[in-house]
Amino acid sequence: MSIAISAEPKIHGVRIDDEKITVDLADGRTISVPLAWSWRLSEATTEQRENFVILGKGQGIRWPEIDEDISVEGMLSGVPARRPALH
């Protein structure tokens, strides 16, 4: 009998193009979400999109210039960023 050890997914690499955000995970999986899931990234310049840091031990990605954060858990669970409501 084998026991599966649950490990939190960790980001190992990030690629962004005009259509999607692609993340390589430390366990060998690759996931991607549409760029449109982040309205801030959709509206950002290529240079702003390329200026990111991987947070902590790989739990998320931060784009400081545009104040955007995306977690690997959010990508895996399918939770896009919501645009704030205008008042």
N, C-alpha and C. Protein backbone atom coordinates (compact mmCIF):
# COMPACT_ATOMS: atom_id res chain seq x y z
N MET A 1 0.83 -1.17 0.00
CA MET A 1 0.00 0.00 0.00
C MET A 1 0.89 1.24 0.00
N SER A 2 0.51 2.21 -0.82
CA SER A 2 1.27 3.46 -0.83
C SER A 2 0.37 4.59 -0.34
N ILE A 3 1.00 5.55 0.26
CA ILE A 3 0.27 6.71 0.79
C ILE A 3 0.72 7.93 0.01
N ALA A 4 -0.24 8.63 -0.55
CA ALA A 4 0.07 9.86 -1.29
C ALA A 4 0.29 10.99 -0.29
N ILE A 5 1.37 11.69 -0.47
CA ILE A 5 1.67 12.84 0.39
C ILE A 5 1.16 14.09 -0.33
N SER A 6 0.31 14.80 0.33
CA SER A 6 -0.24 16.01 -0.25
C SER A 6 0.77 17.14 -0.11
N ALA A 7 1.13 17.73 -1.21
CA ALA A 7 2.06 18.85 -1.20
C ALA A 7 1.40 20.04 -1.87
N GLU A 8 1.62 21.18 -1.28
CA GLU A 8 1.09 22.42 -1.84
C GLU A 8 1.80 22.68 -3.17
N PRO A 9 1.04 22.99 -4.24
CA PRO A 9 1.69 23.27 -5.52
C PRO A 9 2.54 24.53 -5.45
N LYS A 10 3.68 24.49 -6.08
CA LYS A 10 4.61 25.62 -6.05
C LYS A 10 5.02 26.01 -7.47
N ILE A 11 5.05 27.30 -7.72
CA ILE A 11 5.42 27.83 -9.03
C ILE A 11 6.93 27.73 -9.21
N HIS A 12 7.31 27.20 -10.35
CA HIS A 12 8.73 27.06 -10.69
C HIS A 12 9.12 28.03 -11.81
N GLY A 13 8.18 28.35 -12.71
CA GLY A 13 8.45 29.25 -13.82
C GLY A 13 7.17 29.88 -14.33
N VAL A 14 7.30 31.04 -14.98
CA VAL A 14 6.14 31.79 -15.47
C VAL A 14 6.43 32.30 -16.88
N ARG A 15 5.43 32.16 -17.76
CA ARG A 15 5.48 32.73 -19.10
C ARG A 15 4.17 33.46 -19.36
N ILE A 16 4.26 34.62 -20.00
CA ILE A 16 3.06 35.40 -20.30
C ILE A 16 3.13 35.84 -21.75
N ASP A 17 2.02 35.64 -22.46
CA ASP A 17 1.93 36.18 -23.81
C ASP A 17 0.65 36.99 -23.92
N ASP A 18 0.25 37.34 -25.12
CA ASP A 18 -0.92 38.19 -25.30
C ASP A 18 -2.24 37.47 -25.04
N GLU A 19 -2.18 36.15 -24.82
CA GLU A 19 -3.41 35.38 -24.63
C GLU A 19 -3.51 34.66 -23.29
N LYS A 20 -2.36 34.28 -22.70
CA LYS A 20 -2.45 33.46 -21.49
C LYS A 20 -1.25 33.64 -20.56
N ILE A 21 -1.48 33.21 -19.32
CA ILE A 21 -0.44 33.13 -18.31
C ILE A 21 -0.17 31.64 -18.13
N THR A 22 1.04 31.22 -18.33
CA THR A 22 1.41 29.81 -18.21
C THR A 22 2.39 29.67 -17.05
N VAL A 23 2.11 28.69 -16.19
CA VAL A 23 2.93 28.48 -15.00
C VAL A 23 3.41 27.03 -14.99
N ASP A 24 4.71 26.87 -14.80
CA ASP A 24 5.30 25.55 -14.59
C ASP A 24 5.37 25.33 -13.09
N LEU A 25 4.84 24.21 -12.64
CA LEU A 25 4.87 23.88 -11.22
C LEU A 25 6.07 23.00 -10.90
N ALA A 26 6.50 23.05 -9.66
CA ALA A 26 7.67 22.29 -9.23
C ALA A 26 7.48 20.79 -9.39
N ASP A 27 6.22 20.32 -9.38
CA ASP A 27 5.97 18.88 -9.51
C ASP A 27 5.91 18.40 -10.96
N GLY A 28 6.20 19.30 -11.92
CA GLY A 28 6.24 18.92 -13.32
C GLY A 28 5.01 19.29 -14.13
N ARG A 29 3.93 19.67 -13.47
CA ARG A 29 2.72 20.07 -14.20
C ARG A 29 2.90 21.47 -14.78
N THR A 30 2.17 21.74 -15.85
CA THR A 30 2.09 23.07 -16.45
C THR A 30 0.62 23.43 -16.53
N ILE A 31 0.28 24.61 -16.04
CA ILE A 31 -1.10 25.09 -16.11
C ILE A 31 -1.12 26.46 -16.76
N SER A 32 -2.26 26.81 -17.35
CA SER A 32 -2.38 28.15 -17.92
C SER A 32 -3.81 28.64 -17.74
N VAL A 33 -3.93 29.95 -17.69
CA VAL A 33 -5.23 30.60 -17.62
C VAL A 33 -5.23 31.73 -18.64
N PRO A 34 -6.41 32.10 -19.13
CA PRO A 34 -6.48 33.21 -20.08
C PRO A 34 -5.98 34.51 -19.45
N LEU A 35 -5.29 35.30 -20.21
CA LEU A 35 -4.81 36.60 -19.73
C LEU A 35 -5.99 37.47 -19.29
N ALA A 36 -7.13 37.29 -19.93
CA ALA A 36 -8.33 38.07 -19.60
C ALA A 36 -8.80 37.83 -18.17
N TRP A 37 -8.33 36.78 -17.50
CA TRP A 37 -8.69 36.56 -16.11
C TRP A 37 -8.18 37.66 -15.21
N SER A 38 -7.16 38.38 -15.65
CA SER A 38 -6.64 39.51 -14.90
C SER A 38 -6.81 40.77 -15.72
N TRP A 39 -7.77 41.59 -15.36
CA TRP A 39 -7.98 42.82 -16.13
C TRP A 39 -6.76 43.73 -16.06
N ARG A 40 -6.03 43.71 -14.95
CA ARG A 40 -4.83 44.55 -14.84
C ARG A 40 -3.75 44.07 -15.82
N LEU A 41 -3.55 42.76 -15.91
CA LEU A 41 -2.56 42.25 -16.85
C LEU A 41 -3.01 42.43 -18.29
N SER A 42 -4.31 42.31 -18.54
CA SER A 42 -4.84 42.51 -19.89
C SER A 42 -4.57 43.92 -20.39
N GLU A 43 -4.63 44.89 -19.47
CA GLU A 43 -4.44 46.29 -19.83
C GLU A 43 -2.99 46.74 -19.70
N ALA A 44 -2.11 45.90 -19.18
CA ALA A 44 -0.70 46.26 -18.96
C ALA A 44 0.10 46.18 -20.25
N THR A 45 1.22 46.88 -20.25
CA THR A 45 2.15 46.78 -21.38
C THR A 45 2.93 45.48 -21.26
N THR A 46 3.58 45.10 -22.34
CA THR A 46 4.43 43.90 -22.33
C THR A 46 5.50 44.02 -21.26
N GLU A 47 6.11 45.20 -21.15
CA GLU A 47 7.15 45.42 -20.15
C GLU A 47 6.61 45.24 -18.73
N GLN A 48 5.41 45.76 -18.47
CA GLN A 48 4.81 45.60 -17.15
C GLN A 48 4.49 44.13 -16.86
N ARG A 49 4.03 43.40 -17.86
CA ARG A 49 3.73 41.98 -17.68
C ARG A 49 4.99 41.17 -17.37
N GLU A 50 6.10 41.57 -17.95
CA GLU A 50 7.35 40.84 -17.76
C GLU A 50 8.03 41.17 -16.43
N ASN A 51 7.57 42.21 -15.75
CA ASN A 51 8.15 42.63 -14.47
C ASN A 51 7.36 41.99 -13.33
N PHE A 52 7.70 40.75 -13.00
CA PHE A 52 7.00 40.02 -11.94
C PHE A 52 8.00 39.36 -11.02
N VAL A 53 7.51 38.98 -9.85
CA VAL A 53 8.30 38.20 -8.90
C VAL A 53 7.44 37.01 -8.45
N ILE A 54 8.09 35.89 -8.20
CA ILE A 54 7.40 34.74 -7.64
C ILE A 54 7.40 34.93 -6.13
N LEU A 55 6.22 34.84 -5.54
CA LEU A 55 6.05 35.11 -4.12
C LEU A 55 6.39 33.91 -3.24
N GLY A 56 6.97 34.20 -2.09
CA GLY A 56 7.26 33.18 -1.08
C GLY A 56 8.05 32.03 -1.65
N LYS A 57 7.55 30.85 -1.41
CA LYS A 57 8.19 29.64 -1.90
C LYS A 57 7.49 29.12 -3.14
N GLY A 58 6.86 30.04 -3.90
CA GLY A 58 6.19 29.65 -5.12
C GLY A 58 4.68 29.63 -5.03
N GLN A 59 4.12 30.29 -4.02
CA GLN A 59 2.67 30.27 -3.84
C GLN A 59 1.93 31.20 -4.79
N GLY A 60 2.61 32.18 -5.35
CA GLY A 60 1.92 33.11 -6.23
C GLY A 60 2.89 33.96 -7.03
N ILE A 61 2.31 34.88 -7.79
CA ILE A 61 3.08 35.78 -8.65
C ILE A 61 2.61 37.20 -8.34
N ARG A 62 3.55 38.14 -8.29
CA ARG A 62 3.24 39.55 -8.04
C ARG A 62 3.81 40.41 -9.15
N TRP A 63 2.98 41.33 -9.65
CA TRP A 63 3.39 42.34 -10.61
C TRP A 63 3.32 43.68 -9.88
N PRO A 64 4.45 44.16 -9.34
CA PRO A 64 4.43 45.36 -8.49
C PRO A 64 3.99 46.63 -9.21
N GLU A 65 4.37 46.79 -10.47
CA GLU A 65 4.01 48.02 -11.20
C GLU A 65 2.52 48.20 -11.36
N ILE A 66 1.78 47.09 -11.47
CA ILE A 66 0.34 47.19 -11.71
C ILE A 66 -0.48 46.70 -10.51
N ASP A 67 0.21 46.42 -9.39
CA ASP A 67 -0.44 45.99 -8.15
C ASP A 67 -1.35 44.78 -8.36
N GLU A 68 -0.80 43.74 -8.98
CA GLU A 68 -1.56 42.51 -9.25
C GLU A 68 -0.86 41.32 -8.62
N ASP A 69 -1.65 40.45 -8.01
CA ASP A 69 -1.16 39.20 -7.43
C ASP A 69 -2.06 38.08 -7.91
N ILE A 70 -1.46 36.95 -8.28
CA ILE A 70 -2.23 35.76 -8.66
C ILE A 70 -1.62 34.58 -7.91
N SER A 71 -2.47 33.82 -7.23
CA SER A 71 -1.98 32.65 -6.50
C SER A 71 -2.10 31.41 -7.37
N VAL A 72 -1.24 30.45 -7.11
CA VAL A 72 -1.33 29.18 -7.84
C VAL A 72 -2.65 28.49 -7.48
N GLU A 73 -3.10 28.62 -6.24
CA GLU A 73 -4.38 28.02 -5.84
C GLU A 73 -5.53 28.64 -6.63
N GLY A 74 -5.49 29.95 -6.83
CA GLY A 74 -6.52 30.62 -7.63
C GLY A 74 -6.53 30.14 -9.07
N MET A 75 -5.34 29.94 -9.63
CA MET A 75 -5.26 29.43 -11.00
C MET A 75 -5.82 28.03 -11.09
N LEU A 76 -5.48 27.18 -10.11
CA LEU A 76 -5.94 25.80 -10.13
C LEU A 76 -7.44 25.68 -9.88
N SER A 77 -7.99 26.59 -9.08
CA SER A 77 -9.42 26.51 -8.77
C SER A 77 -10.28 27.32 -9.73
N GLY A 78 -9.66 28.07 -10.63
CA GLY A 78 -10.42 28.80 -11.63
C GLY A 78 -11.07 30.06 -11.11
N VAL A 79 -10.33 30.85 -10.34
CA VAL A 79 -10.87 32.08 -9.78
C VAL A 79 -10.22 33.28 -10.45
N PRO A 80 -10.90 33.90 -11.43
CA PRO A 80 -10.34 35.08 -12.08
C PRO A 80 -10.43 36.32 -11.17
N ALA A 81 -9.60 37.30 -11.45
CA ALA A 81 -9.64 38.57 -10.70
C ALA A 81 -10.85 39.37 -11.16
N ARG A 82 -11.53 39.96 -10.21
CA ARG A 82 -12.70 40.79 -10.53
C ARG A 82 -12.31 42.25 -10.63
N ARG A 83 -12.87 42.92 -11.61
CA ARG A 83 -12.68 44.36 -11.74
C ARG A 83 -13.52 45.04 -10.66
N PRO A 84 -12.94 46.02 -9.95
CA PRO A 84 -13.72 46.69 -8.92
C PRO A 84 -14.96 47.39 -9.50
N ALA A 85 -16.01 47.40 -8.72
CA ALA A 85 -17.24 48.07 -9.15
C ALA A 85 -17.04 49.58 -9.12
N LEU A 86 -17.55 50.25 -10.11
CA LEU A 86 -17.50 51.71 -10.16
C LEU A 86 -18.65 52.26 -9.33
N HIS A 87 -18.37 53.28 -8.56
CA HIS A 87 -19.42 53.88 -7.72
C HIS A 87 -19.90 55.15 -8.32
